[in-house]
Amino acid sequence: MAAQRINPSILSADFVNLQSELAAIHTADLVHVDVMDNHFVPNLTMGPPVVERIQAVSPIPLDMHLMITDADRWAPGYAELGAFSVTFHAEATEDPVRLARRLREIGSRAGIALKPGTAAEPYLDMLHEFDQVLVMTVEPGFGGQKFMADMMPKLRQFAEVKRRTGLDLWLQVDGGVTIDTIGIAAEAGADTFVAGSAVYNGVPEDRIAELRAAAAAHIH
């Protein structure tokens, strides 16, 4: 996978033609699959049956983002479907370390996501338990929102621990990522970028290449 990973969000895809929409992003690193339950966030997307079909036909691995309550109960099922990476929200688990270990045990990478209002500090000492940290750069629930640059200090906190410890930790941002904002996140330490409309509102293959180049130009 590329050093600057571009994970298109199929939240911006045409859900009636998902197989062709997945084929269109075959040059991306992973496909970002948003699961929303209309409880943790005020939106409803898809559940295990649809994810199972996406897993079966996708040309690239699945990067699951679970915006659901009771992640401790439901997240392992997505790992069992064969997802490459499963990210759950810090705000939706009783024991993030136990859940991350369970996901890894099943065979998925384990990620933890933080909403904009959630501080980094409680999680800095447990980063070795995760393969990915997702810093939300919008309030989760809907695509097309404006990038929150004020989340960059939080991202830098995680990047500093990663630098200091040498952890193999992916730092992901999700929300409002465009050709104009991706460099801001890359400079702050992000290496994995979720983009929805910025990919699907054009020729996906071209947009993916443009985003990857823009991120690379801001890596120190």
N, C-alpha and C. Protein backbone atom coordinates (compact mmCIF):
# COMPACT_ATOMS: atom_id res chain seq x y z
N MET A 1 0.84 -1.20 0.00
CA MET A 1 0.00 0.00 0.00
C MET A 1 0.87 1.25 0.00
N ALA A 2 0.34 2.32 -0.54
CA ALA A 2 1.08 3.57 -0.63
C ALA A 2 1.35 4.14 0.75
N ALA A 3 2.42 4.94 0.87
CA ALA A 3 2.75 5.58 2.15
C ALA A 3 1.65 6.56 2.57
N GLN A 4 1.04 7.20 1.58
CA GLN A 4 -0.11 8.06 1.86
C GLN A 4 -1.35 7.31 1.38
N ARG A 5 -2.02 6.68 2.30
CA ARG A 5 -3.15 5.82 1.94
C ARG A 5 -4.41 6.65 1.69
N ILE A 6 -5.05 6.39 0.57
CA ILE A 6 -6.32 7.04 0.23
C ILE A 6 -7.41 5.98 0.29
N ASN A 7 -8.37 6.20 1.20
CA ASN A 7 -9.46 5.25 1.41
C ASN A 7 -10.78 5.92 1.06
N PRO A 8 -11.26 5.76 -0.16
CA PRO A 8 -12.52 6.39 -0.54
C PRO A 8 -13.69 5.86 0.29
N SER A 9 -14.55 6.78 0.68
CA SER A 9 -15.75 6.40 1.43
C SER A 9 -16.89 6.13 0.47
N ILE A 10 -17.46 4.93 0.56
CA ILE A 10 -18.58 4.61 -0.33
C ILE A 10 -19.88 5.25 0.15
N LEU A 11 -19.81 6.03 1.21
CA LEU A 11 -20.97 6.82 1.60
C LEU A 11 -21.34 7.78 0.48
N SER A 12 -20.35 8.14 -0.35
CA SER A 12 -20.59 9.05 -1.47
C SER A 12 -20.84 8.31 -2.79
N ALA A 13 -20.86 6.99 -2.73
CA ALA A 13 -21.06 6.20 -3.95
C ALA A 13 -22.55 6.03 -4.25
N ASP A 14 -22.82 5.50 -5.43
CA ASP A 14 -24.18 5.15 -5.83
C ASP A 14 -24.49 3.77 -5.27
N PHE A 15 -25.33 3.71 -4.25
CA PHE A 15 -25.59 2.45 -3.54
C PHE A 15 -26.28 1.40 -4.41
N VAL A 16 -26.95 1.84 -5.47
CA VAL A 16 -27.62 0.88 -6.34
C VAL A 16 -26.61 0.16 -7.23
N ASN A 17 -25.47 0.80 -7.45
CA ASN A 17 -24.45 0.21 -8.34
C ASN A 17 -23.12 0.05 -7.60
N LEU A 18 -23.19 -0.52 -6.40
CA LEU A 18 -21.99 -0.59 -5.56
C LEU A 18 -20.85 -1.37 -6.20
N GLN A 19 -21.15 -2.43 -6.90
CA GLN A 19 -20.06 -3.22 -7.47
C GLN A 19 -19.23 -2.41 -8.47
N SER A 20 -19.90 -1.66 -9.34
CA SER A 20 -19.16 -0.83 -10.30
C SER A 20 -18.49 0.35 -9.60
N GLU A 21 -19.11 0.87 -8.55
CA GLU A 21 -18.52 1.97 -7.80
C GLU A 21 -17.25 1.51 -7.06
N LEU A 22 -17.25 0.27 -6.61
CA LEU A 22 -16.06 -0.30 -5.99
C LEU A 22 -14.97 -0.53 -7.03
N ALA A 23 -15.36 -1.02 -8.20
CA ALA A 23 -14.38 -1.25 -9.27
C ALA A 23 -13.70 0.06 -9.68
N ALA A 24 -14.45 1.17 -9.59
CA ALA A 24 -13.92 2.48 -10.01
C ALA A 24 -12.81 2.99 -9.10
N ILE A 25 -12.72 2.43 -7.87
CA ILE A 25 -11.69 2.92 -6.93
C ILE A 25 -10.61 1.86 -6.70
N HIS A 26 -10.40 1.02 -7.70
CA HIS A 26 -9.45 -0.10 -7.53
C HIS A 26 -8.04 0.37 -7.29
N THR A 27 -7.70 1.62 -7.62
CA THR A 27 -6.35 2.13 -7.39
C THR A 27 -6.17 2.71 -5.99
N ALA A 28 -7.23 2.75 -5.20
CA ALA A 28 -7.13 3.22 -3.82
C ALA A 28 -6.49 2.14 -2.96
N ASP A 29 -6.24 2.47 -1.70
CA ASP A 29 -5.59 1.52 -0.80
C ASP A 29 -6.60 0.61 -0.11
N LEU A 30 -7.64 1.21 0.43
CA LEU A 30 -8.72 0.46 1.04
C LEU A 30 -10.03 1.17 0.73
N VAL A 31 -11.14 0.47 0.89
CA VAL A 31 -12.44 1.11 0.74
C VAL A 31 -13.00 1.34 2.15
N HIS A 32 -13.37 2.58 2.42
CA HIS A 32 -13.88 2.96 3.73
C HIS A 32 -15.38 2.72 3.76
N VAL A 33 -15.80 1.84 4.66
CA VAL A 33 -17.20 1.44 4.73
C VAL A 33 -17.80 1.94 6.05
N ASP A 34 -18.72 2.88 5.95
CA ASP A 34 -19.34 3.49 7.12
C ASP A 34 -20.60 2.73 7.52
N VAL A 35 -20.59 2.20 8.73
CA VAL A 35 -21.77 1.54 9.29
C VAL A 35 -22.36 2.46 10.34
N MET A 36 -23.59 2.91 10.12
CA MET A 36 -24.29 3.81 11.05
C MET A 36 -25.61 3.18 11.47
N ASP A 37 -25.96 3.35 12.73
CA ASP A 37 -27.11 2.62 13.28
C ASP A 37 -28.31 3.49 13.64
N ASN A 38 -28.24 4.78 13.29
CA ASN A 38 -29.32 5.73 13.60
C ASN A 38 -29.53 5.88 15.12
N HIS A 39 -28.48 5.55 15.88
CA HIS A 39 -28.54 5.67 17.33
C HIS A 39 -27.30 6.40 17.83
N PHE A 40 -26.13 5.83 17.54
CA PHE A 40 -24.88 6.51 17.87
C PHE A 40 -24.73 7.79 17.05
N VAL A 41 -25.18 7.73 15.81
CA VAL A 41 -25.25 8.91 14.94
C VAL A 41 -26.64 8.95 14.31
N PRO A 42 -27.10 10.15 13.93
CA PRO A 42 -28.47 10.27 13.39
C PRO A 42 -28.55 9.94 11.90
N ASN A 43 -28.08 8.77 11.54
CA ASN A 43 -28.13 8.33 10.15
C ASN A 43 -28.06 6.81 10.14
N LEU A 44 -28.58 6.22 9.08
CA LEU A 44 -28.63 4.77 8.96
C LEU A 44 -28.06 4.38 7.61
N THR A 45 -27.09 3.46 7.60
CA THR A 45 -26.50 3.08 6.32
C THR A 45 -26.70 1.61 6.02
N MET A 46 -25.86 0.76 6.58
CA MET A 46 -25.89 -0.66 6.20
C MET A 46 -25.45 -1.51 7.38
N GLY A 47 -25.67 -2.83 7.24
CA GLY A 47 -25.27 -3.75 8.28
C GLY A 47 -24.52 -4.93 7.70
N PRO A 48 -24.38 -5.99 8.47
CA PRO A 48 -23.56 -7.13 8.04
C PRO A 48 -23.91 -7.75 6.70
N PRO A 49 -25.18 -7.92 6.31
CA PRO A 49 -25.44 -8.57 5.01
C PRO A 49 -24.86 -7.80 3.82
N VAL A 50 -25.00 -6.47 3.85
CA VAL A 50 -24.46 -5.65 2.75
C VAL A 50 -22.93 -5.65 2.80
N VAL A 51 -22.38 -5.54 4.01
CA VAL A 51 -20.93 -5.55 4.15
C VAL A 51 -20.35 -6.87 3.66
N GLU A 52 -21.04 -7.95 3.91
CA GLU A 52 -20.58 -9.26 3.45
C GLU A 52 -20.49 -9.31 1.93
N ARG A 53 -21.45 -8.69 1.25
CA ARG A 53 -21.43 -8.65 -0.22
C ARG A 53 -20.32 -7.72 -0.71
N ILE A 54 -20.14 -6.60 -0.03
CA ILE A 54 -19.04 -5.69 -0.41
C ILE A 54 -17.70 -6.41 -0.29
N GLN A 55 -17.54 -7.13 0.81
CA GLN A 55 -16.31 -7.90 1.03
C GLN A 55 -16.09 -8.90 -0.11
N ALA A 56 -17.17 -9.49 -0.60
CA ALA A 56 -17.07 -10.51 -1.65
C ALA A 56 -16.65 -9.94 -3.00
N VAL A 57 -17.05 -8.71 -3.30
CA VAL A 57 -16.81 -8.17 -4.65
C VAL A 57 -15.77 -7.06 -4.71
N SER A 58 -15.34 -6.52 -3.56
CA SER A 58 -14.42 -5.38 -3.58
C SER A 58 -13.03 -5.79 -4.08
N PRO A 59 -12.44 -4.97 -4.97
CA PRO A 59 -11.09 -5.27 -5.45
C PRO A 59 -10.01 -4.87 -4.46
N ILE A 60 -10.38 -4.15 -3.41
CA ILE A 60 -9.42 -3.71 -2.39
C ILE A 60 -9.98 -4.03 -1.00
N PRO A 61 -9.11 -4.11 0.02
CA PRO A 61 -9.57 -4.50 1.35
C PRO A 61 -10.53 -3.49 1.97
N LEU A 62 -11.27 -3.97 2.98
CA LEU A 62 -12.28 -3.14 3.64
C LEU A 62 -11.73 -2.49 4.91
N ASP A 63 -11.97 -1.19 5.01
CA ASP A 63 -11.63 -0.37 6.17
C ASP A 63 -12.95 0.02 6.82
N MET A 64 -13.39 -0.79 7.79
CA MET A 64 -14.70 -0.58 8.41
C MET A 64 -14.63 0.56 9.44
N HIS A 65 -15.65 1.41 9.41
CA HIS A 65 -15.79 2.48 10.41
C HIS A 65 -17.17 2.32 11.04
N LEU A 66 -17.19 1.84 12.27
CA LEU A 66 -18.44 1.52 12.94
C LEU A 66 -18.90 2.69 13.80
N MET A 67 -19.91 3.40 13.31
CA MET A 67 -20.53 4.49 14.08
C MET A 67 -21.81 3.93 14.69
N ILE A 68 -21.60 3.03 15.66
CA ILE A 68 -22.70 2.28 16.25
C ILE A 68 -22.52 2.20 17.77
N THR A 69 -23.62 2.08 18.47
CA THR A 69 -23.55 1.85 19.91
C THR A 69 -23.21 0.39 20.18
N ASP A 70 -22.75 0.13 21.40
CA ASP A 70 -22.42 -1.23 21.84
C ASP A 70 -21.44 -1.91 20.88
N ALA A 71 -20.34 -1.20 20.62
CA ALA A 71 -19.32 -1.76 19.72
C ALA A 71 -18.75 -3.07 20.26
N ASP A 72 -18.70 -3.20 21.58
CA ASP A 72 -18.16 -4.43 22.17
C ASP A 72 -18.92 -5.66 21.67
N ARG A 73 -20.22 -5.50 21.50
CA ARG A 73 -21.05 -6.61 21.04
C ARG A 73 -20.94 -6.83 19.54
N TRP A 74 -20.97 -5.74 18.76
CA TRP A 74 -21.16 -5.86 17.31
C TRP A 74 -19.87 -5.83 16.48
N ALA A 75 -18.83 -5.18 16.96
CA ALA A 75 -17.62 -5.02 16.13
C ALA A 75 -16.97 -6.35 15.73
N PRO A 76 -16.87 -7.33 16.64
CA PRO A 76 -16.21 -8.58 16.24
C PRO A 76 -16.86 -9.25 15.03
N GLY A 77 -18.15 -9.09 14.85
CA GLY A 77 -18.83 -9.70 13.71
C GLY A 77 -18.31 -9.19 12.38
N TYR A 78 -17.91 -7.91 12.34
CA TYR A 78 -17.37 -7.36 11.09
C TYR A 78 -15.97 -7.90 10.82
N ALA A 79 -15.21 -8.14 11.87
CA ALA A 79 -13.91 -8.79 11.69
C ALA A 79 -14.10 -10.21 11.16
N GLU A 80 -15.13 -10.87 11.66
CA GLU A 80 -15.39 -12.24 11.23
C GLU A 80 -15.84 -12.32 9.77
N LEU A 81 -16.35 -11.23 9.23
CA LEU A 81 -16.71 -11.19 7.81
C LEU A 81 -15.48 -11.09 6.91
N GLY A 82 -14.32 -10.82 7.52
CA GLY A 82 -13.09 -10.77 6.74
C GLY A 82 -12.55 -9.37 6.50
N ALA A 83 -13.12 -8.36 7.18
CA ALA A 83 -12.64 -6.99 6.99
C ALA A 83 -11.17 -6.87 7.36
N PHE A 84 -10.42 -6.15 6.57
CA PHE A 84 -9.00 -5.93 6.82
C PHE A 84 -8.79 -5.13 8.09
N SER A 85 -9.64 -4.12 8.30
CA SER A 85 -9.51 -3.21 9.43
C SER A 85 -10.90 -2.90 9.97
N VAL A 86 -11.03 -2.90 11.30
CA VAL A 86 -12.29 -2.55 11.94
C VAL A 86 -12.02 -1.45 12.97
N THR A 87 -12.63 -0.29 12.74
CA THR A 87 -12.49 0.84 13.65
C THR A 87 -13.80 1.08 14.38
N PHE A 88 -13.72 1.12 15.68
CA PHE A 88 -14.89 1.40 16.52
C PHE A 88 -14.66 2.73 17.24
N HIS A 89 -15.73 3.31 17.76
CA HIS A 89 -15.60 4.60 18.44
C HIS A 89 -15.28 4.44 19.91
N ALA A 90 -14.37 5.27 20.37
CA ALA A 90 -13.99 5.28 21.79
C ALA A 90 -15.21 5.52 22.67
N GLU A 91 -16.15 6.30 22.16
CA GLU A 91 -17.32 6.68 22.94
C GLU A 91 -18.37 5.56 23.01
N ALA A 92 -18.15 4.46 22.28
CA ALA A 92 -19.17 3.41 22.16
C ALA A 92 -18.70 2.07 22.70
N THR A 93 -17.62 2.07 23.52
CA THR A 93 -17.11 0.83 24.06
C THR A 93 -16.87 0.96 25.56
N GLU A 94 -17.08 -0.14 26.26
CA GLU A 94 -16.79 -0.17 27.69
C GLU A 94 -15.31 -0.41 27.95
N ASP A 95 -14.67 -1.12 27.05
CA ASP A 95 -13.27 -1.52 27.25
C ASP A 95 -12.56 -1.56 25.90
N PRO A 96 -11.98 -0.43 25.46
CA PRO A 96 -11.39 -0.38 24.12
C PRO A 96 -10.23 -1.35 23.92
N VAL A 97 -9.45 -1.57 24.96
CA VAL A 97 -8.30 -2.47 24.82
C VAL A 97 -8.77 -3.91 24.62
N ARG A 98 -9.74 -4.33 25.41
CA ARG A 98 -10.26 -5.69 25.28
C ARG A 98 -10.85 -5.91 23.89
N LEU A 99 -11.58 -4.90 23.40
CA LEU A 99 -12.21 -5.03 22.08
C LEU A 99 -11.15 -5.07 20.99
N ALA A 100 -10.14 -4.22 21.10
CA ALA A 100 -9.07 -4.21 20.09
C ALA A 100 -8.36 -5.56 20.06
N ARG A 101 -8.11 -6.12 21.23
CA ARG A 101 -7.44 -7.43 21.28
C ARG A 101 -8.31 -8.51 20.65
N ARG A 102 -9.61 -8.41 20.84
CA ARG A 102 -10.53 -9.39 20.24
C ARG A 102 -10.50 -9.29 18.72
N LEU A 103 -10.51 -8.07 18.20
CA LEU A 103 -10.48 -7.87 16.74
C LEU A 103 -9.20 -8.42 16.14
N ARG A 104 -8.09 -8.16 16.82
CA ARG A 104 -6.80 -8.66 16.34
C ARG A 104 -6.76 -10.19 16.39
N GLU A 105 -7.35 -10.74 17.43
CA GLU A 105 -7.41 -12.19 17.60
C GLU A 105 -8.15 -12.85 16.42
N ILE A 106 -9.22 -12.19 15.98
CA ILE A 106 -10.01 -12.71 14.85
C ILE A 106 -9.22 -12.59 13.55
N GLY A 107 -8.40 -11.55 13.45
CA GLY A 107 -7.58 -11.41 12.25
C GLY A 107 -7.65 -10.06 11.57
N SER A 108 -8.39 -9.11 12.14
CA SER A 108 -8.47 -7.75 11.58
C SER A 108 -7.49 -6.82 12.28
N ARG A 109 -7.14 -5.76 11.59
CA ARG A 109 -6.48 -4.65 12.28
C ARG A 109 -7.54 -3.96 13.15
N ALA A 110 -7.09 -3.42 14.27
CA ALA A 110 -8.01 -2.78 15.21
C ALA A 110 -7.77 -1.28 15.23
N GLY A 111 -8.85 -0.52 15.03
CA GLY A 111 -8.75 0.93 15.04
C GLY A 111 -9.68 1.54 16.07
N ILE A 112 -9.30 2.70 16.60
CA ILE A 112 -10.15 3.43 17.52
C ILE A 112 -10.39 4.83 16.95
N ALA A 113 -11.64 5.26 16.97
CA ALA A 113 -12.03 6.56 16.41
C ALA A 113 -12.45 7.49 17.54
N LEU A 114 -12.10 8.78 17.37
CA LEU A 114 -12.46 9.80 18.36
C LEU A 114 -13.28 10.89 17.69
N LYS A 115 -14.46 11.16 18.26
CA LYS A 115 -15.28 12.26 17.79
C LYS A 115 -14.56 13.58 18.10
N PRO A 116 -14.96 14.68 17.44
CA PRO A 116 -14.28 15.96 17.67
C PRO A 116 -14.23 16.39 19.15
N GLY A 117 -15.25 16.05 19.92
CA GLY A 117 -15.28 16.47 21.31
C GLY A 117 -14.54 15.56 22.27
N THR A 118 -13.94 14.47 21.76
CA THR A 118 -13.25 13.51 22.61
C THR A 118 -11.75 13.81 22.62
N ALA A 119 -11.19 13.93 23.82
CA ALA A 119 -9.78 14.28 23.98
C ALA A 119 -8.87 13.09 23.70
N ALA A 120 -7.64 13.39 23.30
CA ALA A 120 -6.66 12.35 23.00
C ALA A 120 -6.07 11.74 24.27
N GLU A 121 -5.94 12.54 25.32
CA GLU A 121 -5.14 12.16 26.49
C GLU A 121 -5.45 10.77 27.07
N PRO A 122 -6.72 10.38 27.24
CA PRO A 122 -6.98 9.07 27.85
C PRO A 122 -6.44 7.89 27.04
N TYR A 123 -6.12 8.11 25.78
CA TYR A 123 -5.76 7.00 24.89
C TYR A 123 -4.27 6.97 24.53
N LEU A 124 -3.53 7.98 24.93
CA LEU A 124 -2.14 8.09 24.50
C LEU A 124 -1.27 6.96 25.04
N ASP A 125 -1.59 6.47 26.23
CA ASP A 125 -0.77 5.42 26.83
C ASP A 125 -1.17 4.02 26.39
N MET A 126 -2.20 3.90 25.59
CA MET A 126 -2.63 2.57 25.15
C MET A 126 -2.53 2.40 23.64
N LEU A 127 -1.79 3.28 22.98
CA LEU A 127 -1.76 3.25 21.51
C LEU A 127 -1.17 1.96 20.96
N HIS A 128 -0.31 1.28 21.73
CA HIS A 128 0.28 0.02 21.27
C HIS A 128 -0.78 -1.07 21.10
N GLU A 129 -1.97 -0.84 21.65
CA GLU A 129 -3.05 -1.83 21.54
C GLU A 129 -3.83 -1.70 20.22
N PHE A 130 -3.52 -0.64 19.46
CA PHE A 130 -4.28 -0.36 18.24
C PHE A 130 -3.37 -0.34 17.02
N ASP A 131 -3.96 -0.60 15.87
CA ASP A 131 -3.24 -0.50 14.60
C ASP A 131 -3.52 0.83 13.91
N GLN A 132 -4.59 1.50 14.33
CA GLN A 132 -5.01 2.74 13.68
C GLN A 132 -5.76 3.62 14.67
N VAL A 133 -5.53 4.92 14.57
CA VAL A 133 -6.34 5.90 15.28
C VAL A 133 -6.99 6.78 14.24
N LEU A 134 -8.30 6.93 14.36
CA LEU A 134 -9.07 7.79 13.45
C LEU A 134 -9.48 9.06 14.18
N VAL A 135 -8.94 10.18 13.76
CA VAL A 135 -9.32 11.48 14.29
C VAL A 135 -10.40 12.05 13.38
N MET A 136 -11.62 12.11 13.88
CA MET A 136 -12.72 12.65 13.08
C MET A 136 -12.53 14.16 12.87
N THR A 137 -12.62 14.57 11.61
CA THR A 137 -12.48 15.99 11.29
C THR A 137 -13.82 16.60 10.88
N VAL A 138 -14.88 15.89 11.21
CA VAL A 138 -16.27 16.40 11.19
C VAL A 138 -17.00 15.65 12.30
N GLU A 139 -18.19 16.10 12.62
CA GLU A 139 -19.05 15.32 13.51
C GLU A 139 -19.55 14.12 12.71
N PRO A 140 -19.37 12.91 13.21
CA PRO A 140 -19.76 11.73 12.43
C PRO A 140 -21.26 11.66 12.19
N GLY A 141 -21.61 11.10 11.03
CA GLY A 141 -23.02 10.89 10.73
C GLY A 141 -23.41 11.20 9.30
N PHE A 142 -22.77 12.21 8.72
CA PHE A 142 -23.14 12.61 7.35
C PHE A 142 -21.90 13.00 6.56
N GLY A 143 -21.92 12.70 5.26
CA GLY A 143 -20.85 13.13 4.37
C GLY A 143 -21.04 14.58 3.95
N GLY A 144 -20.00 15.15 3.34
CA GLY A 144 -20.12 16.48 2.76
C GLY A 144 -19.94 17.63 3.72
N GLN A 145 -19.46 17.36 4.97
CA GLN A 145 -19.27 18.44 5.93
C GLN A 145 -17.91 19.11 5.74
N LYS A 146 -17.77 20.27 6.38
CA LYS A 146 -16.55 21.06 6.26
C LYS A 146 -15.46 20.52 7.19
N PHE A 147 -14.25 20.45 6.69
CA PHE A 147 -13.08 19.98 7.42
C PHE A 147 -12.81 20.84 8.65
N MET A 148 -12.63 20.20 9.80
CA MET A 148 -12.37 20.92 11.05
C MET A 148 -10.86 20.96 11.32
N ALA A 149 -10.23 22.05 10.89
CA ALA A 149 -8.78 22.17 11.06
C ALA A 149 -8.38 22.25 12.53
N ASP A 150 -9.32 22.60 13.40
CA ASP A 150 -8.99 22.70 14.83
C ASP A 150 -8.82 21.32 15.48
N MET A 151 -8.95 20.25 14.71
CA MET A 151 -8.65 18.91 15.22
C MET A 151 -7.17 18.54 15.04
N MET A 152 -6.41 19.40 14.36
CA MET A 152 -5.01 19.07 14.08
C MET A 152 -4.13 18.98 15.34
N PRO A 153 -4.33 19.80 16.37
CA PRO A 153 -3.54 19.59 17.59
C PRO A 153 -3.74 18.20 18.20
N LYS A 154 -4.96 17.69 18.15
CA LYS A 154 -5.23 16.32 18.64
C LYS A 154 -4.46 15.31 17.80
N LEU A 155 -4.50 15.47 16.49
CA LEU A 155 -3.77 14.58 15.59
C LEU A 155 -2.27 14.62 15.88
N ARG A 156 -1.76 15.81 16.15
CA ARG A 156 -0.33 15.96 16.44
C ARG A 156 0.06 15.24 17.73
N GLN A 157 -0.84 15.19 18.70
CA GLN A 157 -0.56 14.45 19.94
C GLN A 157 -0.31 12.98 19.64
N PHE A 158 -1.16 12.40 18.80
CA PHE A 158 -0.97 10.99 18.43
C PHE A 158 0.30 10.82 17.59
N ALA A 159 0.54 11.76 16.68
CA ALA A 159 1.72 11.67 15.82
C ALA A 159 3.01 11.75 16.64
N GLU A 160 2.99 12.55 17.70
CA GLU A 160 4.17 12.68 18.54
C GLU A 160 4.47 11.39 19.30
N VAL A 161 3.42 10.74 19.81
CA VAL A 161 3.63 9.45 20.49
C VAL A 161 4.15 8.41 19.49
N LYS A 162 3.57 8.40 18.30
CA LYS A 162 4.03 7.48 17.26
C LYS A 162 5.50 7.71 16.94
N ARG A 163 5.89 8.97 16.80
CA ARG A 163 7.29 9.30 16.48
C ARG A 163 8.22 8.89 17.61
N ARG A 164 7.80 9.16 18.82
CA ARG A 164 8.64 8.90 19.99
C ARG A 164 8.81 7.41 20.27
N THR A 165 7.77 6.63 20.00
CA THR A 165 7.79 5.21 20.35
C THR A 165 8.13 4.31 19.18
N GLY A 166 8.00 4.83 17.96
CA GLY A 166 8.24 4.01 16.78
C GLY A 166 7.14 3.00 16.49
N LEU A 167 5.95 3.26 17.03
CA LEU A 167 4.83 2.35 16.82
C LEU A 167 4.44 2.27 15.34
N ASP A 168 4.04 1.07 14.92
CA ASP A 168 3.47 0.90 13.58
C ASP A 168 1.98 1.22 13.69
N LEU A 169 1.68 2.50 13.67
CA LEU A 169 0.32 2.98 13.91
C LEU A 169 -0.10 3.87 12.75
N TRP A 170 -1.23 3.54 12.13
CA TRP A 170 -1.75 4.39 11.07
C TRP A 170 -2.58 5.50 11.70
N LEU A 171 -2.40 6.71 11.22
CA LEU A 171 -3.16 7.87 11.70
C LEU A 171 -4.08 8.34 10.60
N GLN A 172 -5.38 8.16 10.83
CA GLN A 172 -6.38 8.40 9.80
C GLN A 172 -7.20 9.65 10.14
N VAL A 173 -7.59 10.38 9.10
CA VAL A 173 -8.55 11.47 9.24
C VAL A 173 -9.73 11.19 8.33
N ASP A 174 -10.90 11.62 8.79
CA ASP A 174 -12.14 11.35 8.06
C ASP A 174 -13.07 12.54 8.26
N GLY A 175 -13.44 13.16 7.13
CA GLY A 175 -14.39 14.28 7.18
C GLY A 175 -13.85 15.52 6.52
N GLY A 176 -14.47 15.90 5.41
CA GLY A 176 -14.08 17.14 4.73
C GLY A 176 -12.72 17.09 4.06
N VAL A 177 -12.21 15.88 3.80
CA VAL A 177 -10.89 15.75 3.17
C VAL A 177 -11.03 16.00 1.67
N THR A 178 -10.35 17.02 1.19
CA THR A 178 -10.36 17.40 -0.23
C THR A 178 -8.94 17.70 -0.68
N ILE A 179 -8.80 18.03 -1.93
CA ILE A 179 -7.48 18.40 -2.46
C ILE A 179 -6.93 19.62 -1.72
N ASP A 180 -7.82 20.45 -1.16
CA ASP A 180 -7.40 21.66 -0.46
C ASP A 180 -7.08 21.44 1.01
N THR A 181 -7.63 20.39 1.61
CA THR A 181 -7.44 20.18 3.05
C THR A 181 -6.52 19.01 3.38
N ILE A 182 -6.27 18.13 2.44
CA ILE A 182 -5.50 16.92 2.75
C ILE A 182 -4.08 17.26 3.22
N GLY A 183 -3.51 18.33 2.67
CA GLY A 183 -2.17 18.73 3.07
C GLY A 183 -2.10 19.19 4.53
N ILE A 184 -3.16 19.80 5.01
CA ILE A 184 -3.21 20.24 6.41
C ILE A 184 -3.10 19.03 7.33
N ALA A 185 -3.84 17.99 6.99
CA ALA A 185 -3.82 16.78 7.80
C ALA A 185 -2.49 16.04 7.67
N ALA A 186 -1.94 16.01 6.47
CA ALA A 186 -0.66 15.33 6.26
C ALA A 186 0.45 16.00 7.06
N GLU A 187 0.46 17.32 7.08
CA GLU A 187 1.46 18.06 7.84
C GLU A 187 1.35 17.77 9.33
N ALA A 188 0.14 17.51 9.80
CA ALA A 188 -0.07 17.25 11.22
C ALA A 188 0.23 15.80 11.59
N GLY A 189 0.51 14.96 10.61
CA GLY A 189 0.91 13.60 10.90
C GLY A 189 0.04 12.50 10.34
N ALA A 190 -1.07 12.85 9.69
CA ALA A 190 -1.93 11.82 9.12
C ALA A 190 -1.23 11.12 7.95
N ASP A 191 -1.49 9.81 7.83
CA ASP A 191 -0.95 9.05 6.70
C ASP A 191 -2.04 8.25 5.98
N THR A 192 -3.26 8.32 6.50
CA THR A 192 -4.38 7.56 5.95
C THR A 192 -5.58 8.50 5.86
N PHE A 193 -6.13 8.66 4.67
CA PHE A 193 -7.11 9.72 4.43
C PHE A 193 -8.40 9.16 3.85
N VAL A 194 -9.50 9.45 4.50
CA VAL A 194 -10.81 9.06 4.00
C VAL A 194 -11.38 10.22 3.19
N ALA A 195 -11.78 9.96 1.97
CA ALA A 195 -12.36 11.00 1.12
C ALA A 195 -13.57 10.41 0.41
N GLY A 196 -14.67 11.11 0.45
CA GLY A 196 -15.89 10.63 -0.19
C GLY A 196 -16.19 11.40 -1.46
N SER A 197 -16.83 12.55 -1.30
CA SER A 197 -17.21 13.34 -2.47
C SER A 197 -15.99 13.80 -3.26
N ALA A 198 -14.84 13.99 -2.60
CA ALA A 198 -13.63 14.41 -3.29
C ALA A 198 -13.15 13.35 -4.28
N VAL A 199 -13.57 12.11 -4.09
CA VAL A 199 -13.21 11.03 -5.02
C VAL A 199 -14.32 10.80 -6.03
N TYR A 200 -15.54 10.70 -5.54
CA TYR A 200 -16.65 10.29 -6.41
C TYR A 200 -17.26 11.44 -7.23
N ASN A 201 -16.90 12.67 -6.93
CA ASN A 201 -17.42 13.81 -7.73
C ASN A 201 -16.53 14.10 -8.93
N GLY A 202 -15.87 13.11 -9.43
CA GLY A 202 -15.01 13.25 -10.60
C GLY A 202 -14.69 11.86 -11.12
N VAL A 203 -13.59 11.74 -11.84
CA VAL A 203 -13.11 10.42 -12.25
C VAL A 203 -12.33 9.84 -11.07
N PRO A 204 -12.86 8.82 -10.40
CA PRO A 204 -12.24 8.36 -9.16
C PRO A 204 -10.75 8.08 -9.25
N GLU A 205 -10.33 7.41 -10.31
CA GLU A 205 -8.91 7.07 -10.44
C GLU A 205 -8.03 8.33 -10.47
N ASP A 206 -8.49 9.35 -11.18
CA ASP A 206 -7.74 10.61 -11.24
C ASP A 206 -7.74 11.31 -9.89
N ARG A 207 -8.90 11.33 -9.24
CA ARG A 207 -9.00 12.01 -7.95
C ARG A 207 -8.12 11.34 -6.89
N ILE A 208 -8.08 10.02 -6.91
CA ILE A 208 -7.24 9.29 -5.95
C ILE A 208 -5.78 9.66 -6.15
N ALA A 209 -5.33 9.69 -7.39
CA ALA A 209 -3.94 10.05 -7.69
C ALA A 209 -3.63 11.48 -7.25
N GLU A 210 -4.58 12.39 -7.49
CA GLU A 210 -4.37 13.80 -7.10
C GLU A 210 -4.29 13.95 -5.59
N LEU A 211 -5.17 13.26 -4.88
CA LEU A 211 -5.16 13.34 -3.42
C LEU A 211 -3.87 12.75 -2.85
N ARG A 212 -3.45 11.63 -3.39
CA ARG A 212 -2.23 10.99 -2.90
C ARG A 212 -1.02 11.90 -3.12
N ALA A 213 -0.95 12.54 -4.29
CA ALA A 213 0.15 13.44 -4.58
C ALA A 213 0.12 14.67 -3.67
N ALA A 214 -1.08 15.20 -3.42
CA ALA A 214 -1.21 16.37 -2.55
C ALA A 214 -0.78 16.05 -1.12
N ALA A 215 -1.11 14.84 -0.66
CA ALA A 215 -0.69 14.44 0.69
C ALA A 215 0.82 14.27 0.74
N ALA A 216 1.39 13.61 -0.27
CA ALA A 216 2.83 13.36 -0.30
C ALA A 216 3.63 14.66 -0.30
N ALA A 217 3.09 15.68 -0.93
CA ALA A 217 3.80 16.96 -1.01
C ALA A 217 3.93 17.65 0.35
N HIS A 218 3.14 17.21 1.33
CA HIS A 218 3.16 17.85 2.65
C HIS A 218 3.76 16.97 3.75
N ILE A 219 4.33 15.82 3.35
CA ILE A 219 4.96 14.95 4.34
C ILE A 219 6.38 15.45 4.56
N HIS A 220 6.75 15.61 5.83
CA HIS A 220 8.09 16.11 6.14
C HIS A 220 9.10 14.96 6.11
